[in-house]
């Protein structure tokens, strides 16, 4: 009798952490398969992925000069605070 090791099912949290790699096609085939299996069963993650795609599409047309200085500074402040709290 042989047993094969399979990777555990992906969690929603893992998907959120890997979504950029997925959208940039920077994942291994096995990681992509796990992520797509999760998407097949998780409506909220499908919506999250769709939101990320739409955000990237919208922001891709946004130039730095189009952002008001106060808004830019506020976004940078929030991002830096988030980054300093992120593990790793």
Protein backbone atom coordinates (compact mmCIF):
# COMPACT_ATOMS: atom_id res chain seq x y z
CA UNK A 1 0.00 0.00 0.00
CA UNK A 2 1.42 3.37 -0.97
CA UNK A 3 0.43 6.70 0.41
CA UNK A 4 0.98 10.02 -1.21
CA UNK A 5 1.47 13.27 0.59
CA UNK A 6 -0.97 15.90 -0.53
CA UNK A 7 -0.84 19.52 0.39
CA UNK A 8 -3.58 20.69 2.73
CA UNK A 9 -6.44 22.71 1.34
CA UNK A 10 -5.69 26.39 0.97
CA UNK A 11 -7.28 28.76 3.46
CA UNK A 12 -8.78 32.13 2.63
CA UNK A 13 -5.92 33.80 4.49
CA UNK A 14 -3.36 31.97 2.35
CA UNK A 15 -5.16 33.01 -0.82
CA UNK A 16 -5.04 36.66 0.23
CA UNK A 17 -1.30 36.33 0.84
CA UNK A 18 -0.74 34.70 -2.59
CA UNK A 19 -3.14 36.63 -4.81
CA UNK A 20 -0.45 38.92 -6.25
CA UNK A 21 1.72 35.97 -7.24
CA UNK A 22 -1.34 34.36 -8.83
CA UNK A 23 -2.22 37.46 -10.85
CA UNK A 24 1.40 37.89 -11.94
CA UNK A 25 1.63 34.21 -12.94
CA UNK A 26 4.54 33.75 -10.54
CA UNK A 27 3.36 30.55 -8.82
CA UNK A 28 4.37 26.96 -9.23
CA UNK A 29 1.85 24.71 -10.94
CA UNK A 30 1.00 22.99 -7.65
CA UNK A 31 0.43 26.31 -5.84
CA UNK A 32 -1.77 27.52 -8.70
CA UNK A 33 -3.77 24.29 -8.58
CA UNK A 34 -4.33 24.62 -4.81
CA UNK A 35 -5.43 28.22 -5.21
CA UNK A 36 -7.80 27.42 -8.07
CA UNK A 37 -9.28 24.50 -6.11
CA UNK A 38 -9.97 26.92 -3.27
CA UNK A 39 -11.58 29.40 -5.66
CA UNK A 40 -13.85 26.66 -7.02
CA UNK A 41 -15.40 26.30 -3.56
CA UNK A 42 -15.16 29.79 -2.05
CA UNK A 43 -17.38 32.57 -3.35
CA UNK A 44 -15.93 35.26 -1.07
CA UNK A 45 -12.42 34.59 -2.39
CA UNK A 46 -13.70 34.69 -5.98
CA UNK A 47 -15.14 38.14 -5.20
CA UNK A 48 -11.86 39.21 -3.57
CA UNK A 49 -9.88 38.10 -6.62
CA UNK A 50 -12.28 39.98 -8.90
CA UNK A 51 -11.92 43.12 -6.75
CA UNK A 52 -8.13 42.85 -6.97
CA UNK A 53 -8.27 42.49 -10.75
CA UNK A 54 -10.55 45.53 -11.06
CA UNK A 55 -8.36 47.55 -8.69
CA UNK A 56 -5.23 46.72 -10.66
CA UNK A 57 -6.98 47.63 -13.90
CA UNK A 58 -8.17 50.97 -12.48
CA UNK A 59 -4.93 51.88 -10.75
CA UNK A 60 -2.97 50.93 -13.85
CA UNK A 61 -4.48 54.01 -15.49
CA UNK A 62 -3.73 56.30 -12.55
CA UNK A 63 -0.67 58.52 -12.67
CA UNK A 64 1.01 59.85 -9.55
CA UNK A 65 0.38 63.42 -10.66
CA UNK A 66 -3.38 62.73 -10.66
CA UNK A 67 -3.39 62.06 -6.91
CA UNK A 68 -3.81 65.10 -4.68
CA UNK A 69 -0.77 65.54 -2.38
CA UNK A 70 -2.90 65.15 0.77
CA UNK A 71 -4.44 61.92 -0.54
CA UNK A 72 -1.02 60.60 -1.57
CA UNK A 73 0.44 61.36 1.86
CA UNK A 74 -2.52 59.73 3.57
CA UNK A 75 -2.19 56.58 1.48
CA UNK A 76 1.54 56.39 2.16
CA UNK A 77 0.94 56.84 5.89
CA UNK A 78 -1.63 54.01 5.96
CA UNK A 79 0.60 51.74 3.86
CA UNK A 80 3.64 52.36 6.06
CA UNK A 81 1.61 51.67 9.21
CA UNK A 82 0.28 48.45 7.70
CA UNK A 83 3.76 47.43 6.57
CA UNK A 84 5.25 48.01 10.03
CA UNK A 85 2.56 45.79 11.59
CA UNK A 86 2.88 42.99 9.02
CA UNK A 87 4.64 39.86 10.28
CA UNK A 88 7.89 38.82 8.70
